[in-house]
Structure formats: C-alpha cells, structure tokens
Amino acid sequence: MVKKRITITLDKEFDEKIRQLQVDFIMKSNKSWSYSSVLSVVIGEGLRALSHKTKSAKDEKPSKKQ
C-alpha cells in the first residue's frame, strides 16, 4: 500500500483516545506501534463500518406506494 504524508488537526478527546489505543496495542502485542499506525487502523475500521452501513442502506429499497 502506498502511503501519503498529510497533516491533520484532531480534537484533544480524539487524540487521547488514539493514544490510549496505542498503549493498549503495545501492551497486547508486546511490540511498538506508531501513532500513525494506530490512526490508520482506526480510520480503516471506521471506513469499513461506514461502507457496510452504506451498502446495507442501498439494499433496503423503500417500497413503492400504489
């Protein structure tokens, strides 16, 4: 996968949650996790969840009234 460097601004609350996930990943895997790696996991999971919801919404076509 090709990576691209970008700059973003996050709410302090999101930053703290990502940092806590980073700690959890490090503790559970016993290896290092960069902030950007954790953020990529979070974004990837979020995009998959949104894609699934969008696909489900498209499958639920409203019934036509006659």
PDB file of N, CA and C in Angstrom:
ATOM      1  N   MET A   1       0.842  -1.167   0.000  1.00  0.00           N
ATOM      2  CA  MET A   1       0.000   0.000   0.000  1.00  0.00           C
ATOM      3  C   MET A   1       0.894   1.239   0.000  1.00  0.00           C
ATOM      4  N   VAL A   2       0.580   2.164  -0.882  1.00  0.00           N
ATOM      5  CA  VAL A   2       1.326   3.409  -0.951  1.00  0.00           C
ATOM      6  C   VAL A   2       0.851   4.325   0.168  1.00  0.00           C
ATOM      7  N   LYS A   3       1.800   4.906   0.860  1.00  0.00           N
ATOM      8  CA  LYS A   3       1.456   5.803   1.963  1.00  0.00           C
ATOM      9  C   LYS A   3       1.677   7.238   1.545  1.00  0.00           C
ATOM     10  N   LYS A   4       0.896   8.130   2.145  1.00  0.00           N
ATOM     11  CA  LYS A   4       0.991   9.548   1.836  1.00  0.00           C
ATOM     12  C   LYS A   4       1.065  10.323   3.140  1.00  0.00           C
ATOM     13  N   ARG A   5       1.974  11.256   3.213  1.00  0.00           N
ATOM     14  CA  ARG A   5       2.123  12.097   4.407  1.00  0.00           C
ATOM     15  C   ARG A   5       1.132  13.244   4.317  1.00  0.00           C
ATOM     16  N   ILE A   6       0.341  13.409   5.390  1.00  0.00           N
ATOM     17  CA  ILE A   6      -0.609  14.514   5.457  1.00  0.00           C
ATOM     18  C   ILE A   6      -0.567  15.127   6.854  1.00  0.00           C
ATOM     19  N   THR A   7      -1.129  16.300   6.981  1.00  0.00           N
ATOM     20  CA  THR A   7      -1.241  16.956   8.275  1.00  0.00           C
ATOM     21  C   THR A   7      -2.720  17.106   8.590  1.00  0.00           C
ATOM     22  N   ILE A   8      -3.104  16.727   9.805  1.00  0.00           N
ATOM     23  CA  ILE A   8      -4.494  16.852  10.224  1.00  0.00           C
ATOM     24  C   ILE A   8      -4.555  17.514  11.597  1.00  0.00           C
ATOM     25  N   THR A   9      -5.716  18.000  11.940  1.00  0.00           N
ATOM     26  CA  THR A   9      -5.961  18.552  13.261  1.00  0.00           C
ATOM     27  C   THR A   9      -7.045  17.709  13.913  1.00  0.00           C
ATOM     28  N   LEU A  10      -6.777  17.249  15.129  1.00  0.00           N
ATOM     29  CA  LEU A  10      -7.728  16.414  15.863  1.00  0.00           C
ATOM     30  C   LEU A  10      -8.160  17.106  17.141  1.00  0.00           C
ATOM     31  N   ASP A  11      -9.383  16.827  17.542  1.00  0.00           N
ATOM     32  CA  ASP A  11      -9.829  17.268  18.859  1.00  0.00           C
ATOM     33  C   ASP A  11      -8.980  16.579  19.915  1.00  0.00           C
ATOM     34  N   LYS A  12      -8.768  17.246  21.024  1.00  0.00           N
ATOM     35  CA  LYS A  12      -7.966  16.684  22.110  1.00  0.00           C
ATOM     36  C   LYS A  12      -8.527  15.337  22.568  1.00  0.00           C
ATOM     37  N   GLU A  13      -9.844  15.226  22.606  1.00  0.00           N
ATOM     38  CA  GLU A  13     -10.501  13.980  23.022  1.00  0.00           C
ATOM     39  C   GLU A  13     -10.124  12.814  22.101  1.00  0.00           C
ATOM     40  N   PHE A  14     -10.114  13.060  20.779  1.00  0.00           N
ATOM     41  CA  PHE A  14      -9.738  12.007  19.833  1.00  0.00           C
ATOM     42  C   PHE A  14      -8.269  11.628  19.998  1.00  0.00           C
ATOM     43  N   ASP A  15      -7.424  12.621  20.187  1.00  0.00           N
ATOM     44  CA  ASP A  15      -6.002  12.361  20.383  1.00  0.00           C
ATOM     45  C   ASP A  15      -5.776  11.476  21.608  1.00  0.00           C
ATOM     46  N   GLU A  16      -6.475  11.780  22.694  1.00  0.00           N
ATOM     47  CA  GLU A  16      -6.322  10.984  23.915  1.00  0.00           C
ATOM     48  C   GLU A  16      -6.791   9.551  23.704  1.00  0.00           C
ATOM     49  N   LYS A  17      -7.879   9.370  22.959  1.00  0.00           N
ATOM     50  CA  LYS A  17      -8.384   8.016  22.690  1.00  0.00           C
ATOM     51  C   LYS A  17      -7.416   7.238  21.811  1.00  0.00           C
ATOM     52  N   ILE A  18      -6.847   7.901  20.819  1.00  0.00           N
ATOM     53  CA  ILE A  18      -5.875   7.239  19.947  1.00  0.00           C
ATOM     54  C   ILE A  18      -4.621   6.877  20.735  1.00  0.00           C
ATOM     55  N   ARG A  19      -4.174   7.755  21.600  1.00  0.00           N
ATOM     56  CA  ARG A  19      -3.009   7.457  22.452  1.00  0.00           C
ATOM     57  C   ARG A  19      -3.294   6.259  23.361  1.00  0.00           C
ATOM     58  N   GLN A  20      -4.517   6.182  23.901  1.00  0.00           N
ATOM     59  CA  GLN A  20      -4.868   5.058  24.764  1.00  0.00           C
ATOM     60  C   GLN A  20      -4.912   3.753  23.959  1.00  0.00           C
ATOM     61  N   LEU A  21      -5.436   3.820  22.745  1.00  0.00           N
ATOM     62  CA  LEU A  21      -5.415   2.636  21.880  1.00  0.00           C
ATOM     63  C   LEU A  21      -3.978   2.221  21.586  1.00  0.00           C
ATOM     64  N   GLN A  22      -3.107   3.197  21.379  1.00  0.00           N
ATOM     65  CA  GLN A  22      -1.702   2.914  21.120  1.00  0.00           C
ATOM     66  C   GLN A  22      -1.098   2.153  22.304  1.00  0.00           C
ATOM     67  N   VAL A  23      -1.381   2.604  23.510  1.00  0.00           N
ATOM     68  CA  VAL A  23      -0.893   1.921  24.710  1.00  0.00           C
ATOM     69  C   VAL A  23      -1.435   0.496  24.757  1.00  0.00           C
ATOM     70  N   ASP A  24      -2.739   0.342  24.493  1.00  0.00           N
ATOM     71  CA  ASP A  24      -3.365  -0.986  24.513  1.00  0.00           C
ATOM     72  C   ASP A  24      -2.730  -1.922  23.483  1.00  0.00           C
ATOM     73  N   PHE A  25      -2.503  -1.403  22.254  1.00  0.00           N
ATOM     74  CA  PHE A  25      -1.885  -2.224  21.203  1.00  0.00           C
ATOM     75  C   PHE A  25      -0.485  -2.655  21.608  1.00  0.00           C
ATOM     76  N   ILE A  26       0.274  -1.732  22.187  1.00  0.00           N
ATOM     77  CA  ILE A  26       1.648  -2.048  22.603  1.00  0.00           C
ATOM     78  C   ILE A  26       1.638  -3.100  23.709  1.00  0.00           C
ATOM     79  N   MET A  27       0.756  -2.919  24.683  1.00  0.00           N
ATOM     80  CA  MET A  27       0.696  -3.858  25.809  1.00  0.00           C
ATOM     81  C   MET A  27       0.264  -5.257  25.353  1.00  0.00           C
ATOM     82  N   LYS A  28      -0.715  -5.329  24.444  1.00  0.00           N
ATOM     83  CA  LYS A  28      -1.233  -6.621  24.000  1.00  0.00           C
ATOM     84  C   LYS A  28      -0.299  -7.340  23.040  1.00  0.00           C
ATOM     85  N   SER A  29       0.395  -6.597  22.194  1.00  0.00           N
ATOM     86  CA  SER A  29       1.241  -7.239  21.185  1.00  0.00           C
ATOM     87  C   SER A  29       2.706  -7.309  21.600  1.00  0.00           C
ATOM     88  N   ASN A  30       3.073  -6.559  22.627  1.00  0.00           N
ATOM     89  CA  ASN A  30       4.453  -6.532  23.105  1.00  0.00           C
ATOM     90  C   ASN A  30       5.435  -6.083  22.013  1.00  0.00           C
ATOM     91  N   LYS A  31       4.954  -5.198  21.124  1.00  0.00           N
ATOM     92  CA  LYS A  31       5.822  -4.590  20.108  1.00  0.00           C
ATOM     93  C   LYS A  31       5.428  -3.126  19.982  1.00  0.00           C
ATOM     94  N   SER A  32       6.244  -2.351  19.278  1.00  0.00           N
ATOM     95  CA  SER A  32       5.960  -0.924  19.169  1.00  0.00           C
ATOM     96  C   SER A  32       4.876  -0.662  18.128  1.00  0.00           C
ATOM     97  N   TRP A  33       4.075   0.348  18.400  1.00  0.00           N
ATOM     98  CA  TRP A  33       3.035   0.818  17.482  1.00  0.00           C
ATOM     99  C   TRP A  33       3.186   2.332  17.367  1.00  0.00           C
ATOM    100  N   SER A  34       3.380   2.819  16.161  1.00  0.00           N
ATOM    101  CA  SER A  34       3.471   4.270  15.975  1.00  0.00           C
ATOM    102  C   SER A  34       2.067   4.875  16.030  1.00  0.00           C
ATOM    103  N   TYR A  35       2.030   6.145  16.324  1.00  0.00           N
ATOM    104  CA  TYR A  35       0.757   6.870  16.365  1.00  0.00           C
ATOM    105  C   TYR A  35       0.066   6.760  15.004  1.00  0.00           C
ATOM    106  N   SER A  36       0.825   6.933  13.926  1.00  0.00           N
ATOM    107  CA  SER A  36       0.232   6.881  12.586  1.00  0.00           C
ATOM    108  C   SER A  36      -0.291   5.486  12.247  1.00  0.00           C
ATOM    109  N   SER A  37       0.359   4.439  12.736  1.00  0.00           N
ATOM    110  CA  SER A  37      -0.136   3.073  12.509  1.00  0.00           C
ATOM    111  C   SER A  37      -1.466   2.850  13.216  1.00  0.00           C
ATOM    112  N   VAL A  38      -1.559   3.326  14.437  1.00  0.00           N
ATOM    113  CA  VAL A  38      -2.809   3.188  15.194  1.00  0.00           C
ATOM    114  C   VAL A  38      -3.902   3.998  14.508  1.00  0.00           C
ATOM    115  N   LEU A  39      -3.588   5.201  14.095  1.00  0.00           N
ATOM    116  CA  LEU A  39      -4.566   6.041  13.419  1.00  0.00           C
ATOM    117  C   LEU A  39      -5.028   5.391  12.112  1.00  0.00           C
ATOM    118  N   SER A  40      -4.142   4.750  11.388  1.00  0.00           N
ATOM    119  CA  SER A  40      -4.514   4.046  10.152  1.00  0.00           C
ATOM    120  C   SER A  40      -5.488   2.905  10.440  1.00  0.00           C
ATOM    121  N   VAL A  41      -5.256   2.174  11.529  1.00  0.00           N
ATOM    122  CA  VAL A  41      -6.172   1.099  11.913  1.00  0.00           C
ATOM    123  C   VAL A  41      -7.549   1.673  12.232  1.00  0.00           C
ATOM    124  N   VAL A  42      -7.580   2.746  13.007  1.00  0.00           N
ATOM    125  CA  VAL A  42      -8.843   3.377  13.400  1.00  0.00           C
ATOM    126  C   VAL A  42      -9.598   3.878  12.165  1.00  0.00           C
ATOM    127  N   ILE A  43      -8.916   4.545  11.269  1.00  0.00           N
ATOM    128  CA  ILE A  43      -9.555   5.061  10.059  1.00  0.00           C
ATOM    129  C   ILE A  43     -10.042   3.915   9.176  1.00  0.00           C
ATOM    130  N   GLY A  44      -9.209   2.892   9.020  1.00  0.00           N
ATOM    131  CA  GLY A  44      -9.597   1.738   8.207  1.00  0.00           C
ATOM    132  C   GLY A  44     -10.843   1.048   8.730  1.00  0.00           C
ATOM    133  N   GLU A  45     -10.881   0.822  10.039  1.00  0.00           N
ATOM    134  CA  GLU A  45     -12.057   0.180  10.642  1.00  0.00           C
ATOM    135  C   GLU A  45     -13.292   1.060  10.489  1.00  0.00           C
ATOM    136  N   GLY A  46     -13.114   2.354  10.675  1.00  0.00           N
ATOM    137  CA  GLY A  46     -14.235   3.279  10.528  1.00  0.00           C
ATOM    138  C   GLY A  46     -14.768   3.309   9.103  1.00  0.00           C
ATOM    139  N   LEU A  47     -13.882   3.319   8.136  1.00  0.00           N
ATOM    140  CA  LEU A  47     -14.302   3.322   6.733  1.00  0.00           C
ATOM    141  C   LEU A  47     -15.010   2.027   6.353  1.00  0.00           C
ATOM    142  N   ARG A  48     -14.519   0.899   6.858  1.00  0.00           N
ATOM    143  CA  ARG A  48     -15.187  -0.379   6.587  1.00  0.00           C
ATOM    144  C   ARG A  48     -16.588  -0.399   7.187  1.00  0.00           C
ATOM    145  N   ALA A  49     -16.719   0.116   8.411  1.00  0.00           N
ATOM    146  CA  ALA A  49     -18.024   0.156   9.069  1.00  0.00           C
ATOM    147  C   ALA A  49     -18.984   1.064   8.302  1.00  0.00           C
ATOM    148  N   LEU A  50     -18.513   2.222   7.874  1.00  0.00           N
ATOM    149  CA  LEU A  50     -19.360   3.135   7.109  1.00  0.00           C
ATOM    150  C   LEU A  50     -19.739   2.546   5.759  1.00  0.00           C
ATOM    151  N   SER A  51     -18.800   1.884   5.113  1.00  0.00           N
ATOM    152  CA  SER A  51     -19.064   1.259   3.820  1.00  0.00           C
ATOM    153  C   SER A  51     -20.137   0.186   3.966  1.00  0.00           C
ATOM    154  N   HIS A  52     -20.044  -0.588   5.042  1.00  0.00           N
ATOM    155  CA  HIS A  52     -21.028  -1.645   5.299  1.00  0.00           C
ATOM    156  C   HIS A  52     -22.408  -1.043   5.527  1.00  0.00           C
ATOM    157  N   LYS A  53     -22.477   0.039   6.300  1.00  0.00           N
ATOM    158  CA  LYS A  53     -23.758   0.706   6.570  1.00  0.00           C
ATOM    159  C   LYS A  53     -24.341   1.289   5.298  1.00  0.00           C
ATOM    160  N   THR A  54     -23.496   1.887   4.471  1.00  0.00           N
ATOM    161  CA  THR A  54     -23.959   2.485   3.226  1.00  0.00           C
ATOM    162  C   THR A  54     -24.493   1.411   2.291  1.00  0.00           C
ATOM    163  N   LYS A  55     -23.776   0.287   2.216  1.00  0.00           N
ATOM    164  CA  LYS A  55     -24.199  -0.811   1.362  1.00  0.00           C
ATOM    165  C   LYS A  55     -25.536  -1.369   1.844  1.00  0.00           C
ATOM    166  N   SER A  56     -25.707  -1.513   3.154  1.00  0.00           N
ATOM    167  CA  SER A  56     -26.956  -2.016   3.717  1.00  0.00           C
ATOM    168  C   SER A  56     -28.106  -1.059   3.433  1.00  0.00           C
ATOM    169  N   ALA A  57     -27.860   0.230   3.520  1.00  0.00           N
ATOM    170  CA  ALA A  57     -28.900   1.234   3.267  1.00  0.00           C
ATOM    171  C   ALA A  57     -29.332   1.194   1.802  1.00  0.00           C
ATOM    172  N   LYS A  58     -28.401   0.953   0.895  1.00  0.00           N
ATOM    173  CA  LYS A  58     -28.741   0.863  -0.522  1.00  0.00           C
ATOM    174  C   LYS A  58     -29.570  -0.384  -0.804  1.00  0.00           C
ATOM    175  N   ASP A  59     -29.299  -1.472  -0.074  1.00  0.00           N
ATOM    176  CA  ASP A  59     -30.033  -2.720  -0.270  1.00  0.00           C
ATOM    177  C   ASP A  59     -31.472  -2.613   0.213  1.00  0.00           C
ATOM    178  N   GLU A  60     -31.713  -1.747   1.183  1.00  0.00           N
ATOM    179  CA  GLU A  60     -33.053  -1.554   1.724  1.00  0.00           C
ATOM    180  C   GLU A  60     -33.782  -0.504   0.903  1.00  0.00           C
ATOM    181  N   LYS A  61     -34.353  -0.937  -0.220  1.00  0.00           N
ATOM    182  CA  LYS A  61     -35.056  -0.005  -1.078  1.00  0.00           C
ATOM    183  C   LYS A  61     -36.459   0.229  -0.528  1.00  0.00           C
ATOM    184  N   PRO A  62     -36.895   1.478  -0.498  1.00  0.00           N
ATOM    185  CA  PRO A  62     -38.250   1.760   0.001  1.00  0.00           C
ATOM    186  C   PRO A  62     -39.305   1.165  -0.921  1.00  0.00           C
ATOM    187  N   SER A  63     -40.386   0.675  -0.328  1.00  0.00           N
ATOM    188  CA  SER A  63     -41.449   0.096  -1.137  1.00  0.00           C
ATOM    189  C   SER A  63     -42.240   1.207  -1.813  1.00  0.00           C
ATOM    190  N   LYS A  64     -42.660   0.929  -3.028  1.00  0.00           N
ATOM    191  CA  LYS A  64     -43.424   1.927  -3.791  1.00  0.00           C
ATOM    192  C   LYS A  64     -44.893   1.834  -3.428  1.00  0.00           C
ATOM    193  N   LYS A  65     -45.494   2.988  -3.187  1.00  0.00           N
ATOM    194  CA  LYS A  65     -46.918   3.039  -2.871  1.00  0.00           C
ATOM    195  C   LYS A  65     -47.708   3.061  -4.157  1.00  0.00           C
ATOM    196  N   GLN A  66     -48.791   2.312  -4.194  1.00  0.00           N
ATOM    197  CA  GLN A  66     -49.644   2.302  -5.392  1.00  0.00           C
ATOM    198  C   GLN A  66     -51.009   2.802  -5.071  1.00  0.00           C
TER     199      GLN A  66
END
